[in-house]
């Protein structure tokens, strides 16, 4: 599944963030514009994290890296499982267990 794209352009989001910072409330802006007050508050909090003003939570780049690492981890687990099954199958088919080396 491809990553979803925000329905609101970044420029629009930034304008609403700027209006909140200028003193307007998210609820007031939600009546004028389509996004809900909570959505606008989330955008403001994310912008603060991105700018280093707000320390709890992940930045957008950290979210992207986390998603990439989770996907890579899932793929590696699947590959490891496939290799384990293949090794088990080959061992059964050949009735052979790899010889232990007598050299130490």
N, C-alpha and C. Protein backbone atom coordinates (compact mmCIF):
# COMPACT_ATOMS: atom_id res chain seq x y z
N UNK A 1 0.84 -1.17 0.00
CA UNK A 1 0.00 0.00 0.00
C UNK A 1 0.90 1.24 0.00
N UNK A 2 0.71 2.13 -0.97
CA UNK A 2 1.54 3.34 -1.02
C UNK A 2 1.17 4.28 0.12
N UNK A 3 2.14 5.09 0.55
CA UNK A 3 1.83 6.03 1.63
C UNK A 3 0.74 7.01 1.18
N UNK A 4 -0.13 7.37 2.12
CA UNK A 4 -1.21 8.29 1.76
C UNK A 4 -0.68 9.72 1.76
N UNK A 5 -1.26 10.51 0.92
CA UNK A 5 -0.87 11.91 0.81
C UNK A 5 -1.90 12.75 1.55
N UNK A 6 -1.43 13.76 2.22
CA UNK A 6 -2.31 14.65 2.96
C UNK A 6 -3.26 15.34 1.98
N UNK A 7 -4.54 15.45 2.34
CA UNK A 7 -5.46 16.11 1.43
C UNK A 7 -5.27 17.62 1.37
N UNK A 8 -4.51 18.15 2.31
CA UNK A 8 -4.29 19.60 2.34
C UNK A 8 -2.85 19.89 1.94
N UNK A 9 -2.65 20.83 1.01
CA UNK A 9 -1.28 21.18 0.61
C UNK A 9 -0.50 21.78 1.78
N UNK A 10 0.80 21.60 1.75
CA UNK A 10 1.65 22.09 2.83
C UNK A 10 1.52 23.61 2.99
N UNK A 11 1.36 24.34 1.90
CA UNK A 11 1.23 25.80 1.98
C UNK A 11 -0.03 26.19 2.77
N UNK A 12 -1.13 25.48 2.51
CA UNK A 12 -2.38 25.73 3.23
C UNK A 12 -2.21 25.44 4.71
N UNK A 13 -1.57 24.31 5.01
CA UNK A 13 -1.33 23.94 6.41
C UNK A 13 -0.48 25.01 7.11
N UNK A 14 0.56 25.47 6.41
CA UNK A 14 1.44 26.48 7.00
C UNK A 14 0.70 27.79 7.25
N UNK A 15 -0.20 28.15 6.35
CA UNK A 15 -0.98 29.38 6.55
C UNK A 15 -1.84 29.27 7.81
N UNK A 16 -2.47 28.12 8.01
CA UNK A 16 -3.29 27.94 9.21
C UNK A 16 -2.43 27.92 10.47
N UNK A 17 -1.27 27.31 10.40
CA UNK A 17 -0.34 27.31 11.54
C UNK A 17 0.04 28.74 11.89
N UNK A 18 0.34 29.53 10.87
CA UNK A 18 0.72 30.93 11.09
C UNK A 18 -0.43 31.72 11.71
N UNK A 19 -1.67 31.44 11.28
CA UNK A 19 -2.82 32.13 11.85
C UNK A 19 -3.00 31.77 13.33
N UNK A 20 -2.78 30.50 13.68
CA UNK A 20 -2.87 30.10 15.09
C UNK A 20 -1.80 30.82 15.89
N UNK A 21 -0.59 30.87 15.36
CA UNK A 21 0.50 31.55 16.06
C UNK A 21 0.25 33.05 16.17
N UNK A 22 -0.56 33.60 15.26
CA UNK A 22 -0.89 35.02 15.31
C UNK A 22 -2.01 35.30 16.31
N UNK A 23 -2.59 34.24 16.88
CA UNK A 23 -3.58 34.47 17.93
C UNK A 23 -4.97 33.92 17.65
N UNK A 24 -5.22 33.42 16.49
CA UNK A 24 -6.55 32.87 16.21
C UNK A 24 -6.65 31.46 16.75
N UNK A 25 -7.83 31.07 17.17
CA UNK A 25 -8.00 29.73 17.76
C UNK A 25 -8.26 28.70 16.65
N UNK A 26 -7.84 27.46 16.88
CA UNK A 26 -8.11 26.40 15.89
C UNK A 26 -9.60 26.22 15.63
N UNK A 27 -10.44 26.38 16.66
CA UNK A 27 -11.88 26.23 16.47
C UNK A 27 -12.44 27.32 15.56
N UNK A 28 -11.95 28.54 15.76
CA UNK A 28 -12.38 29.66 14.91
C UNK A 28 -11.98 29.40 13.46
N UNK A 29 -10.77 28.91 13.27
CA UNK A 29 -10.30 28.63 11.91
C UNK A 29 -11.05 27.45 11.29
N UNK A 30 -11.45 26.49 12.12
CA UNK A 30 -12.16 25.32 11.58
C UNK A 30 -13.54 25.71 11.05
N UNK A 31 -14.11 26.78 11.60
CA UNK A 31 -15.40 27.26 11.10
C UNK A 31 -15.25 27.95 9.74
N UNK A 32 -14.09 28.59 9.53
CA UNK A 32 -13.83 29.28 8.27
C UNK A 32 -13.32 28.34 7.19
N UNK A 33 -12.51 27.38 7.61
CA UNK A 33 -11.87 26.46 6.68
C UNK A 33 -12.34 25.05 6.99
N UNK A 34 -12.01 24.12 6.17
CA UNK A 34 -12.51 22.75 6.30
C UNK A 34 -11.89 21.93 7.44
N UNK A 35 -10.59 21.99 7.72
CA UNK A 35 -10.03 21.10 8.75
C UNK A 35 -10.65 21.35 10.13
N UNK A 36 -10.72 20.28 10.91
CA UNK A 36 -11.26 20.41 12.27
C UNK A 36 -10.25 21.13 13.16
N UNK A 37 -10.74 21.59 14.29
CA UNK A 37 -9.87 22.27 15.25
C UNK A 37 -8.76 21.34 15.72
N UNK A 38 -9.09 20.07 15.96
CA UNK A 38 -8.07 19.11 16.41
C UNK A 38 -7.01 18.90 15.34
N UNK A 39 -7.42 18.83 14.09
CA UNK A 39 -6.46 18.68 13.00
C UNK A 39 -5.49 19.85 12.97
N UNK A 40 -6.02 21.04 13.12
CA UNK A 40 -5.17 22.24 13.11
C UNK A 40 -4.22 22.22 14.31
N UNK A 41 -4.72 21.83 15.49
CA UNK A 41 -3.84 21.72 16.67
C UNK A 41 -2.73 20.70 16.43
N UNK A 42 -3.08 19.59 15.78
CA UNK A 42 -2.06 18.58 15.46
C UNK A 42 -0.99 19.15 14.53
N UNK A 43 -1.41 19.94 13.55
CA UNK A 43 -0.45 20.55 12.63
C UNK A 43 0.49 21.49 13.37
N UNK A 44 -0.07 22.28 14.29
CA UNK A 44 0.75 23.22 15.06
C UNK A 44 1.75 22.45 15.92
N UNK A 45 1.30 21.39 16.58
CA UNK A 45 2.20 20.59 17.42
C UNK A 45 3.29 19.95 16.59
N UNK A 46 2.94 19.44 15.39
CA UNK A 46 3.94 18.83 14.52
C UNK A 46 4.95 19.87 14.06
N UNK A 47 4.47 21.06 13.73
CA UNK A 47 5.38 22.13 13.31
C UNK A 47 6.34 22.50 14.44
N UNK A 48 5.84 22.51 15.66
CA UNK A 48 6.72 22.81 16.81
C UNK A 48 7.76 21.72 16.99
N UNK A 49 7.37 20.46 16.79
CA UNK A 49 8.35 19.37 16.88
C UNK A 49 9.41 19.51 15.79
N UNK A 50 8.96 19.84 14.58
CA UNK A 50 9.89 19.99 13.46
C UNK A 50 10.89 21.12 13.73
N UNK A 51 10.42 22.16 14.39
CA UNK A 51 11.28 23.31 14.66
C UNK A 51 12.09 23.16 15.95
N UNK A 52 11.90 22.05 16.66
CA UNK A 52 12.65 21.80 17.88
C UNK A 52 12.09 22.49 19.11
N UNK A 53 10.90 23.04 19.02
CA UNK A 53 10.30 23.74 20.15
C UNK A 53 9.57 22.78 21.08
N UNK A 54 9.18 21.64 20.57
CA UNK A 54 8.33 20.70 21.29
C UNK A 54 9.06 19.37 21.27
N UNK A 55 9.42 18.84 22.43
CA UNK A 55 10.31 17.69 22.48
C UNK A 55 9.64 16.32 22.49
N UNK A 56 8.37 16.22 22.88
CA UNK A 56 7.79 14.87 22.90
C UNK A 56 7.17 14.56 21.54
N UNK A 57 7.48 13.42 21.02
CA UNK A 57 6.98 13.02 19.71
C UNK A 57 8.09 12.99 18.69
N UNK A 58 7.75 12.47 17.53
CA UNK A 58 8.73 12.31 16.45
C UNK A 58 8.51 13.37 15.38
N UNK A 59 9.61 13.76 14.76
CA UNK A 59 9.52 14.66 13.62
C UNK A 59 9.06 13.86 12.41
N UNK A 60 8.71 14.54 11.35
CA UNK A 60 8.26 13.88 10.12
C UNK A 60 9.35 12.96 9.58
N UNK A 61 10.59 13.42 9.59
CA UNK A 61 11.68 12.59 9.07
C UNK A 61 11.90 11.37 9.96
N UNK A 62 11.70 11.53 11.28
CA UNK A 62 11.83 10.38 12.18
C UNK A 62 10.70 9.37 11.94
N UNK A 63 9.49 9.87 11.66
CA UNK A 63 8.38 8.98 11.33
C UNK A 63 8.69 8.20 10.06
N UNK A 64 9.23 8.89 9.07
CA UNK A 64 9.55 8.23 7.80
C UNK A 64 10.64 7.18 8.00
N UNK A 65 11.66 7.52 8.78
CA UNK A 65 12.73 6.56 9.04
C UNK A 65 12.20 5.36 9.81
N UNK A 66 11.35 5.59 10.79
CA UNK A 66 10.78 4.50 11.57
C UNK A 66 9.95 3.58 10.68
N UNK A 67 9.16 4.15 9.79
CA UNK A 67 8.35 3.34 8.87
C UNK A 67 9.26 2.53 7.95
N UNK A 68 10.33 3.15 7.45
CA UNK A 68 11.26 2.45 6.57
C UNK A 68 11.93 1.30 7.31
N UNK A 69 12.36 1.53 8.54
CA UNK A 69 13.02 0.49 9.32
C UNK A 69 12.06 -0.65 9.67
N UNK A 70 10.82 -0.32 9.97
CA UNK A 70 9.84 -1.37 10.26
C UNK A 70 9.60 -2.24 9.03
N UNK A 71 9.50 -1.60 7.87
CA UNK A 71 9.31 -2.35 6.62
C UNK A 71 10.52 -3.24 6.35
N UNK A 72 11.71 -2.70 6.53
CA UNK A 72 12.94 -3.48 6.32
C UNK A 72 13.01 -4.64 7.30
N UNK A 73 12.65 -4.39 8.56
CA UNK A 73 12.66 -5.44 9.58
C UNK A 73 11.69 -6.56 9.21
N UNK A 74 10.51 -6.20 8.74
CA UNK A 74 9.52 -7.20 8.33
C UNK A 74 10.06 -8.05 7.19
N UNK A 75 10.68 -7.40 6.22
CA UNK A 75 11.23 -8.12 5.07
C UNK A 75 12.35 -9.07 5.51
N UNK A 76 13.22 -8.62 6.39
CA UNK A 76 14.31 -9.46 6.87
C UNK A 76 13.78 -10.67 7.65
N UNK A 77 12.74 -10.47 8.43
CA UNK A 77 12.13 -11.60 9.17
C UNK A 77 11.55 -12.62 8.19
N UNK A 78 10.89 -12.13 7.15
CA UNK A 78 10.32 -13.04 6.15
C UNK A 78 11.42 -13.81 5.43
N UNK A 79 12.50 -13.12 5.06
CA UNK A 79 13.61 -13.79 4.39
C UNK A 79 14.24 -14.84 5.29
N UNK A 80 14.41 -14.52 6.57
CA UNK A 80 14.99 -15.47 7.51
C UNK A 80 14.10 -16.70 7.64
N UNK A 81 12.78 -16.49 7.69
CA UNK A 81 11.85 -17.61 7.79
C UNK A 81 11.93 -18.49 6.55
N UNK A 82 12.00 -17.88 5.38
CA UNK A 82 12.11 -18.64 4.13
C UNK A 82 13.39 -19.45 4.11
N UNK A 83 14.50 -18.85 4.51
CA UNK A 83 15.78 -19.57 4.53
C UNK A 83 15.75 -20.73 5.53
N UNK A 84 15.13 -20.54 6.67
CA UNK A 84 15.04 -21.63 7.65
C UNK A 84 14.21 -22.79 7.10
N UNK A 85 13.10 -22.47 6.43
CA UNK A 85 12.27 -23.52 5.84
C UNK A 85 13.01 -24.23 4.72
N UNK A 86 13.74 -23.49 3.91
CA UNK A 86 14.50 -24.09 2.81
C UNK A 86 15.59 -25.00 3.37
N UNK A 87 16.29 -24.57 4.38
CA UNK A 87 17.34 -25.39 4.98
C UNK A 87 16.75 -26.67 5.55
N UNK A 88 15.61 -26.56 6.20
CA UNK A 88 14.95 -27.73 6.77
C UNK A 88 14.52 -28.69 5.66
N UNK A 89 13.97 -28.16 4.58
CA UNK A 89 13.53 -28.99 3.46
C UNK A 89 14.71 -29.72 2.83
N UNK A 90 15.80 -28.99 2.57
CA UNK A 90 16.98 -29.62 1.97
C UNK A 90 17.56 -30.70 2.88
N UNK A 91 17.54 -30.47 4.17
CA UNK A 91 18.06 -31.47 5.10
C UNK A 91 17.20 -32.73 5.06
N UNK A 92 15.89 -32.58 4.98
CA UNK A 92 15.01 -33.75 4.91
C UNK A 92 15.17 -34.47 3.58
N UNK A 93 15.27 -33.73 2.48
CA UNK A 93 15.37 -34.31 1.15
C UNK A 93 16.67 -35.09 0.95
N UNK A 94 17.72 -34.62 1.50
CA UNK A 94 19.02 -35.27 1.29
C UNK A 94 19.36 -36.25 2.40
N UNK A 95 18.52 -36.31 3.42
CA UNK A 95 18.81 -37.16 4.58
C UNK A 95 20.23 -36.96 5.06
N UNK A 96 20.68 -35.77 4.96
CA UNK A 96 22.04 -35.48 5.37
C UNK A 96 22.06 -34.33 6.34
N UNK A 97 22.91 -34.48 7.27
CA UNK A 97 23.18 -33.41 8.22
C UNK A 97 24.59 -32.96 7.91
N UNK A 98 24.84 -31.67 7.81
CA UNK A 98 26.19 -31.22 7.48
C UNK A 98 27.19 -31.80 8.46
N UNK A 99 28.32 -32.35 7.95
CA UNK A 99 29.31 -32.94 8.85
C UNK A 99 29.96 -31.87 9.72
N UNK A 100 30.26 -32.29 10.93
CA UNK A 100 30.94 -31.38 11.84
C UNK A 100 32.41 -31.42 11.50
N UNK A 101 33.02 -30.31 11.56
CA UNK A 101 34.46 -30.23 11.28
C UNK A 101 35.25 -30.82 12.45
N UNK A 102 36.22 -31.63 12.11
CA UNK A 102 37.07 -32.22 13.18
C UNK A 102 38.20 -31.28 13.55
N UNK A 103 38.36 -30.26 12.74
CA UNK A 103 39.41 -29.27 13.03
C UNK A 103 38.88 -28.28 14.07
N UNK A 104 39.74 -27.90 14.99
CA UNK A 104 39.33 -26.93 16.00
C UNK A 104 40.22 -25.74 15.99
